[in-house]
Structure formats: C-alpha cells, structure tokens
C-alpha cells in the first residue's frame, strides 16, 4: 500500500469486486434450489448440483446466430450492469460497498435499469412476440411498483432513515422484536407480494407466457444472449432475497445467519410459483392494485399513526 493511501479505499475496492462475485455464486445456489423444489413438487429427480454452471457454459459456448444491432448488445450490458451495480448498494455481512453512500431510493432506481434495458434490446428485434412480451413486462412493473414503493416509504418512516446500513444496524441492535416483519407486518406482507411480482414468476409470469407468445422477450435470444439472461436470473433472485431480508428480517451479522433468511424468502416465492397458474395482464394489474396496494396503504396508515 502506497504512503498516504487510506485503508478504507482498498476495503471499498475489495467490496466492489467481491460483492458481485458473492451474489453470482449465491444466485447460482438459489437457481438450483428453485429448480429442485419444482422437481420435487412434480415428482422428478431434479438437476445435479452443478447444472446451473453447466447451463451457463453451454449457452456461452454456442454460436450466436443473430444479432439485431448495437442496441441489442447494449441491452445485455444494461441487464447485467443494472443488477451488478445493485449488488454493491446492498449491505451484506462484512461488506457494505457503496450502501453507506447511497440510500434505498438510489437502489430503487438502479433496479429499474435491467427491465428498461430489456425493453430497448427487444424493441430492436422487431419480433411481435418479443414486443408483446416486453409491453406486458413493463405493465407488470407498473403494477407491482405501486405496493413496493409504498412498502419502502413505510419502512423508511419506521426506521427514520433510508440508508440500508443504518436500517440493518437498527434491527440488529433491537433484536427480532425490531425486525420489520414484527414492527410493520402489513408492509412486510405487501413487500413480499410485490417482490414476488418483480421475479416474473407464476402467477405473475405474464411477459414470458410460453404457450401464448413463445417466451416473449427471450424469443430472439440465443447463445451468449440467453446465457446473459440466465446470469441475470441469478443476480435477480439474490437481489430480491437480500433486499427483503435487509428491510424486514434484520439482515445478518454473519453469513451463517444471513443466508438461511435469503433462501427462506426465495423458497416462499418458489413454493407459490409452483402451485398457482398464470394470471392475465389485466388480472395482474387489478389484483396488485387491489390487494397488496390496499395492504400497503393500511400498513402505511398504521405507521403514520405510530410515528
């Protein structure tokens, strides 16, 4: 280390490198868990432990048949870059990254980048199935963002801050009684439902719909592009699980207590996904704006009364 170089700088650099790597590895494990749970429900054996890695290697080793121009390539960078950037704003045991310098509102904006990137890339393909899929995806984002934002606002009011590092410290200092799921249960329920919608899984799988629009946005993706979407799914599962754990389950002082919470959150989503059919686009909007939004508004009202 050079003279005059602060130790904090190198710690930050290490966090910026390690946090996305940890997110990718844990995300692979979450994808494996989701696939094995589905297999058990359907009375199948399920994939081997290394199957997610095999899938990524296979997809990236294939020759990409079609490229739809530079916007198609930029879209992939936005997909992955959005989630990779989100990871360094999510505090985890031993690593805070940029979470101390950027608040929860910054993270919300960053998490919108991947979906907008997909919209730009698919729009450049001129495939009607892809266009229909991405229009449904953006409509779904409008639906689940309403209860999600309300839940986030309520959480910030309860904790008195929008800094995720401080939110975790407050919950850990007070113990389970101060976790978000205990102090604002209605907002925790609304947040759980809206974050399930973010994953685009049943019953909110309106933009993929294989039986109707041939997998929607993924219809023109092959080779490295499909591999990038697979990697994005790993980051997506990790991001949603860690964010919910941070806001409502007290985060974690060590990985041994932190990871079980993250896996439990994703397990809830996976269990729901495998027992419900897919809703139509208009049903998703009506249901999201009726139930989770209503629950979130009631939870916000109770928070405002207490504050």
Protein backbone atom coordinates (compact mmCIF):
# COMPACT_ATOMS: atom_id res chain seq x y z
CA UNK A 1 0.00 0.00 0.00
CA UNK A 2 1.39 3.37 -1.00
CA UNK A 3 2.07 6.04 1.58
CA UNK A 4 -0.93 8.27 2.15
CA UNK A 5 -3.40 5.79 0.63
CA UNK A 6 -6.23 5.18 3.15
CA UNK A 7 -7.00 1.61 4.11
CA UNK A 8 -10.71 2.35 3.61
CA UNK A 9 -10.10 2.85 -0.11
CA UNK A 10 -8.74 -0.66 -0.60
CA UNK A 11 -11.51 -2.13 1.53
CA UNK A 12 -14.02 -0.41 -0.73
CA UNK A 13 -12.29 -1.74 -3.84
CA UNK A 14 -12.36 -5.25 -2.37
CA UNK A 15 -16.08 -4.89 -1.62
CA UNK A 16 -16.81 -3.70 -5.16
CA UNK A 17 -15.09 -6.80 -6.55
CA UNK A 18 -16.30 -9.38 -4.05
CA UNK A 19 -19.95 -8.36 -3.65
CA UNK A 20 -20.98 -9.16 -7.27
CA UNK A 21 -18.98 -12.41 -7.16
CA UNK A 22 -20.68 -13.49 -3.94
CA UNK A 23 -24.05 -12.50 -5.42
CA UNK A 24 -23.41 -14.64 -8.51
CA UNK A 25 -22.36 -17.71 -6.51
CA UNK A 26 -25.28 -17.45 -4.09
CA UNK A 27 -27.58 -16.74 -7.04
CA UNK A 28 -26.49 -19.99 -8.69
CA UNK A 29 -27.40 -21.83 -5.49
CA UNK A 30 -30.80 -20.09 -5.42
CA UNK A 31 -31.48 -21.10 -9.04
CA UNK A 32 -30.55 -24.68 -8.18
CA UNK A 33 -32.86 -24.65 -5.16
CA UNK A 34 -35.75 -23.28 -7.24
CA UNK A 35 -35.31 -25.97 -9.89
CA UNK A 36 -35.01 -28.77 -7.35
CA UNK A 37 -38.10 -27.64 -5.45
CA UNK A 38 -40.10 -27.61 -8.70
CA UNK A 39 -38.76 -31.07 -9.50
CA UNK A 40 -39.84 -32.40 -6.10
CA UNK A 41 -43.33 -30.94 -6.49
CA UNK A 42 -43.58 -32.54 -9.93
CA UNK A 43 -42.14 -35.83 -8.58
CA UNK A 44 -38.97 -35.61 -10.63
CA UNK A 45 -35.36 -36.20 -9.55
CA UNK A 46 -34.20 -32.70 -10.38
CA UNK A 47 -30.92 -31.37 -11.79
CA UNK A 48 -27.46 -32.15 -10.35
CA UNK A 49 -25.66 -29.64 -8.16
CA UNK A 50 -23.54 -28.22 -10.98
CA UNK A 51 -26.35 -27.96 -13.53
CA UNK A 52 -26.68 -24.12 -13.39
CA UNK A 53 -22.95 -23.83 -14.13
CA UNK A 54 -23.24 -26.35 -16.98
CA UNK A 55 -26.12 -24.36 -18.46
CA UNK A 56 -24.17 -21.09 -18.46
CA UNK A 57 -21.09 -22.72 -20.01
CA UNK A 58 -23.24 -24.42 -22.65
CA UNK A 59 -25.06 -21.21 -23.61
CA UNK A 60 -21.90 -19.11 -23.82
CA UNK A 61 -20.14 -21.80 -25.87
CA UNK A 62 -22.87 -21.82 -28.53
CA UNK A 63 -22.56 -19.71 -31.63
CA UNK A 64 -24.97 -16.79 -31.62
CA UNK A 65 -26.94 -16.97 -34.85
CA UNK A 66 -28.45 -13.49 -34.92
CA UNK A 67 -27.55 -10.05 -33.63
CA UNK A 68 -30.00 -7.22 -34.05
CA UNK A 69 -27.52 -4.40 -33.92
CA UNK A 70 -25.67 -2.43 -31.30
CA UNK A 71 -28.76 -1.73 -29.20
CA UNK A 72 -29.27 -5.46 -28.75
CA UNK A 73 -25.74 -5.71 -27.30
CA UNK A 74 -26.13 -2.58 -25.17
CA UNK A 75 -29.34 -4.04 -23.72
CA UNK A 76 -27.43 -7.06 -22.42
CA UNK A 77 -24.92 -4.75 -20.73
CA UNK A 78 -27.79 -2.84 -19.12
CA UNK A 79 -29.39 -6.09 -17.94
CA UNK A 80 -26.27 -7.35 -16.22
CA UNK A 81 -24.85 -3.95 -15.32
CA UNK A 82 -28.04 -2.89 -13.55
CA UNK A 83 -28.03 -5.90 -11.22
CA UNK A 84 -24.26 -5.88 -10.70
CA UNK A 85 -24.49 -2.23 -9.67
CA UNK A 86 -27.40 -3.05 -7.38
CA UNK A 87 -25.28 -5.62 -5.52
CA UNK A 88 -22.75 -3.02 -4.38
CA UNK A 89 -25.56 -0.98 -2.80
CA UNK A 90 -26.89 -3.96 -0.81
CA UNK A 91 -25.07 -4.38 2.53
CA UNK A 92 -24.21 -7.94 3.49
CA UNK A 93 -22.24 -9.36 6.45
CA UNK A 94 -18.72 -7.95 6.35
CA UNK A 95 -19.27 -5.85 3.21
CA UNK A 96 -21.15 -2.58 2.82
CA UNK A 97 -19.85 -1.48 -0.58
CA UNK A 98 -21.48 1.80 -1.56
CA UNK A 99 -24.53 1.25 0.66
CA UNK A 100 -23.20 3.78 3.16
CA UNK A 101 -23.00 6.43 0.43
CA UNK A 102 -26.22 5.69 -1.48
CA UNK A 103 -29.63 5.24 0.08
CA UNK A 104 -32.57 2.98 -0.65
CA UNK A 105 -34.01 5.36 -3.23
CA UNK A 106 -30.82 5.04 -5.29
CA UNK A 107 -31.20 1.26 -5.22
CA UNK A 108 -34.81 1.50 -6.40
CA UNK A 109 -33.80 3.47 -9.48
CA UNK A 110 -30.93 1.08 -10.24
CA UNK A 111 -33.23 -1.95 -10.06
CA UNK A 112 -35.39 -0.46 -12.83
CA UNK A 113 -32.46 -0.39 -15.27
CA UNK A 114 -32.46 -4.12 -16.22
CA UNK A 115 -36.11 -4.15 -17.28
CA UNK A 116 -35.70 -0.94 -19.27
CA UNK A 117 -32.57 -2.40 -20.88
CA UNK A 118 -34.52 -5.48 -21.91
CA UNK A 119 -37.21 -3.24 -23.41
CA UNK A 120 -34.62 -1.41 -25.54
CA UNK A 121 -33.00 -4.62 -26.75
CA UNK A 122 -36.22 -6.46 -27.55
CA UNK A 123 -37.62 -3.38 -29.27
CA UNK A 124 -34.69 -3.55 -31.69
CA UNK A 125 -35.65 -7.11 -32.73
CA UNK A 126 -38.97 -6.22 -34.40
CA UNK A 127 -40.39 -9.59 -33.37
CA UNK A 128 -44.08 -9.27 -32.45
CA UNK A 129 -43.82 -11.94 -29.74
CA UNK A 130 -40.95 -10.07 -28.14
CA UNK A 131 -42.76 -6.73 -28.37
CA UNK A 132 -45.89 -8.17 -26.77
CA UNK A 133 -43.80 -9.75 -24.02
CA UNK A 134 -41.92 -6.58 -23.17
CA UNK A 135 -45.11 -4.49 -23.16
CA UNK A 136 -46.55 -6.95 -20.67
CA UNK A 137 -43.36 -6.80 -18.61
CA UNK A 138 -43.47 -3.00 -18.38
CA UNK A 139 -47.17 -3.16 -17.49
CA UNK A 140 -46.40 -5.65 -14.73
CA UNK A 141 -43.62 -3.36 -13.45
CA UNK A 142 -46.15 -0.55 -13.20
CA UNK A 143 -48.45 -2.87 -11.25
CA UNK A 144 -46.03 -4.21 -8.64
CA UNK A 145 -44.06 -0.97 -8.24
CA UNK A 146 -47.02 0.75 -6.54
CA UNK A 147 -47.22 -1.50 -3.44
CA UNK A 148 -43.44 -1.90 -3.46
CA UNK A 149 -42.80 1.85 -3.26
CA UNK A 150 -45.44 2.25 -0.55
CA UNK A 151 -43.80 -0.53 1.49
CA UNK A 152 -40.37 1.09 1.08
CA UNK A 153 -41.69 4.51 2.13
CA UNK A 154 -43.29 2.98 5.20
CA UNK A 155 -40.06 1.18 6.11
CA UNK A 156 -38.07 4.41 5.83
CA UNK A 157 -40.58 6.13 8.12
CA UNK A 158 -40.36 3.37 10.73
CA UNK A 159 -36.55 3.31 10.77
CA UNK A 160 -36.19 7.07 10.37
CA UNK A 161 -33.65 6.63 7.57
CA UNK A 162 -33.35 5.38 4.01
CA UNK A 163 -29.76 4.17 4.50
CA UNK A 164 -29.70 0.36 4.33
CA UNK A 165 -26.63 0.07 6.56
CA UNK A 166 -28.38 2.06 9.30
CA UNK A 167 -31.59 0.06 8.80
CA UNK A 168 -29.71 -3.19 9.40
CA UNK A 169 -27.94 -1.74 12.46
CA UNK A 170 -31.25 -0.61 13.99
CA UNK A 171 -32.80 -4.06 13.58
CA UNK A 172 -29.77 -5.91 14.89
CA UNK A 173 -29.45 -3.62 17.90
CA UNK A 174 -33.04 -4.25 18.97
CA UNK A 175 -33.25 -7.94 18.11
CA UNK A 176 -36.12 -9.81 16.38
CA UNK A 177 -38.70 -7.59 18.08
CA UNK A 178 -37.48 -4.65 15.97
CA UNK A 179 -37.35 -6.51 12.67
CA UNK A 180 -39.58 -5.05 10.00
CA UNK A 181 -41.76 -8.16 9.89
CA UNK A 182 -42.60 -7.57 13.57
CA UNK A 183 -42.89 -3.77 13.66
CA UNK A 184 -44.74 -3.37 10.32
CA UNK A 185 -46.25 -6.76 9.39
CA UNK A 186 -48.68 -5.36 6.81
CA UNK A 187 -45.89 -3.60 4.93
CA UNK A 188 -43.83 -6.78 5.14
CA UNK A 189 -46.66 -8.76 3.52
CA UNK A 190 -47.15 -6.14 0.82
CA UNK A 191 -43.41 -6.05 0.16
CA UNK A 192 -43.27 -9.84 -0.11
CA UNK A 193 -46.05 -9.92 -2.71
CA UNK A 194 -44.67 -7.05 -4.77
CA UNK A 195 -41.14 -8.51 -4.76
CA UNK A 196 -42.59 -11.80 -5.97
CA UNK A 197 -44.00 -9.84 -8.88
CA UNK A 198 -40.50 -8.49 -9.64
CA UNK A 199 -39.26 -12.02 -10.32
CA UNK A 200 -41.81 -12.53 -13.10
CA UNK A 201 -42.77 -15.98 -11.82
CA UNK A 202 -46.23 -17.53 -11.66
CA UNK A 203 -48.82 -16.21 -11.09
CA UNK A 204 -47.17 -13.05 -12.49
CA UNK A 205 -45.41 -14.68 -15.45
CA UNK A 206 -47.33 -12.63 -17.98
CA UNK A 207 -44.42 -11.48 -20.11
CA UNK A 208 -42.98 -14.94 -20.80
CA UNK A 209 -46.17 -16.99 -21.36
CA UNK A 210 -44.61 -19.84 -23.42
CA UNK A 211 -47.97 -21.16 -24.58
CA UNK A 212 -49.03 -17.77 -25.97
CA UNK A 213 -46.09 -15.66 -27.12
CA UNK A 214 -43.20 -18.14 -27.36
CA UNK A 215 -41.33 -16.92 -24.25
CA UNK A 216 -41.84 -13.24 -25.08
CA UNK A 217 -38.65 -11.15 -24.72
CA UNK A 218 -36.47 -14.28 -24.87
CA UNK A 219 -37.72 -15.33 -28.31
CA UNK A 220 -34.82 -13.61 -30.13
CA UNK A 221 -32.21 -14.50 -27.51
CA UNK A 222 -29.79 -17.33 -28.17
CA UNK A 223 -26.22 -18.28 -27.30
CA UNK A 224 -24.44 -15.63 -25.26
CA UNK A 225 -27.60 -13.51 -25.06
CA UNK A 226 -29.56 -16.33 -23.42
CA UNK A 227 -26.56 -17.04 -21.22
CA UNK A 228 -26.61 -13.40 -20.07
CA UNK A 229 -30.29 -13.75 -19.20
CA UNK A 230 -29.51 -16.85 -17.16
CA UNK A 231 -26.80 -14.96 -15.26
CA UNK A 232 -29.25 -12.10 -14.77
CA UNK A 233 -31.70 -14.51 -13.16
CA UNK A 234 -29.03 -15.49 -10.62
CA UNK A 235 -28.47 -11.84 -9.71
CA UNK A 236 -32.21 -11.15 -9.69
CA UNK A 237 -33.02 -13.89 -7.18
CA UNK A 238 -30.16 -12.81 -4.94
CA UNK A 239 -31.08 -9.11 -5.11
CA UNK A 240 -34.73 -9.64 -4.22
CA UNK A 241 -33.94 -12.09 -1.43
CA UNK A 242 -31.25 -9.87 0.14
CA UNK A 243 -33.34 -6.70 -0.15
CA UNK A 244 -36.32 -8.27 1.63
CA UNK A 245 -34.06 -9.76 4.29
CA UNK A 246 -32.43 -6.37 4.83
CA UNK A 247 -35.70 -4.45 5.13
CA UNK A 248 -37.87 -6.86 7.07
CA UNK A 249 -35.79 -9.72 8.52
CA UNK A 250 -32.99 -7.88 10.30
CA UNK A 251 -30.23 -8.54 7.80
CA UNK A 252 -27.46 -10.64 9.31
CA UNK A 253 -24.32 -10.16 11.39
CA UNK A 254 -22.74 -13.23 9.81
CA UNK A 255 -23.32 -15.29 6.67
CA UNK A 256 -24.37 -18.29 8.76
CA UNK A 257 -27.49 -16.45 9.92
CA UNK A 258 -27.94 -14.28 6.84
CA UNK A 259 -28.09 -16.85 4.04
CA UNK A 260 -30.85 -19.01 5.62
CA UNK A 261 -33.11 -15.94 5.65
CA UNK A 262 -32.37 -15.19 1.98
CA UNK A 263 -33.02 -18.79 0.96
CA UNK A 264 -36.22 -18.87 3.04
CA UNK A 265 -37.56 -15.79 1.25
CA UNK A 266 -36.86 -17.26 -2.19
CA UNK A 267 -38.31 -20.60 -1.07
CA UNK A 268 -41.61 -18.85 -0.31
CA UNK A 269 -41.65 -17.41 -3.83
CA UNK A 270 -40.77 -20.78 -5.37
CA UNK A 271 -43.47 -22.59 -3.39
CA UNK A 272 -46.12 -20.10 -4.53
CA UNK A 273 -44.86 -20.23 -8.12
CA UNK A 274 -45.28 -23.99 -8.36
CA UNK A 275 -48.88 -24.20 -7.12
CA UNK A 276 -50.52 -21.26 -8.93
CA UNK A 277 -51.34 -20.74 -12.58
CA UNK A 278 -50.51 -17.60 -14.54
CA UNK A 279 -52.77 -14.56 -14.34
CA UNK A 280 -53.70 -12.44 -17.34
CA UNK A 281 -52.25 -8.96 -17.75
CA UNK A 282 -55.40 -7.13 -16.68
CA UNK A 283 -55.83 -9.52 -13.75
CA UNK A 284 -52.28 -8.81 -12.54
CA UNK A 285 -52.89 -5.06 -12.55
CA UNK A 286 -56.28 -5.35 -10.85
CA UNK A 287 -55.00 -7.80 -8.24
CA UNK A 288 -51.79 -5.88 -7.48
CA UNK A 289 -53.58 -2.56 -7.15
CA UNK A 290 -56.32 -4.10 -5.01
CA UNK A 291 -54.73 -6.45 -2.50
CA UNK A 292 -51.01 -5.70 -1.93
CA UNK A 293 -51.58 -1.99 -2.55
CA UNK A 294 -54.51 -1.96 -0.12
CA UNK A 295 -52.47 -3.85 2.47
CA UNK A 296 -49.53 -1.49 1.95
CA UNK A 297 -51.72 1.62 2.32
CA UNK A 298 -53.24 0.25 5.53
CA UNK A 299 -49.77 -0.58 6.83
CA UNK A 300 -48.55 2.91 5.91
CA UNK A 301 -51.50 4.45 7.75
CA UNK A 302 -50.68 2.47 10.90
CA UNK A 303 -47.04 3.54 10.62
CA UNK A 304 -48.01 7.18 10.30
CA UNK A 305 -50.24 6.91 13.36
CA UNK A 306 -47.44 5.35 15.40
CA UNK A 307 -44.89 7.88 14.22
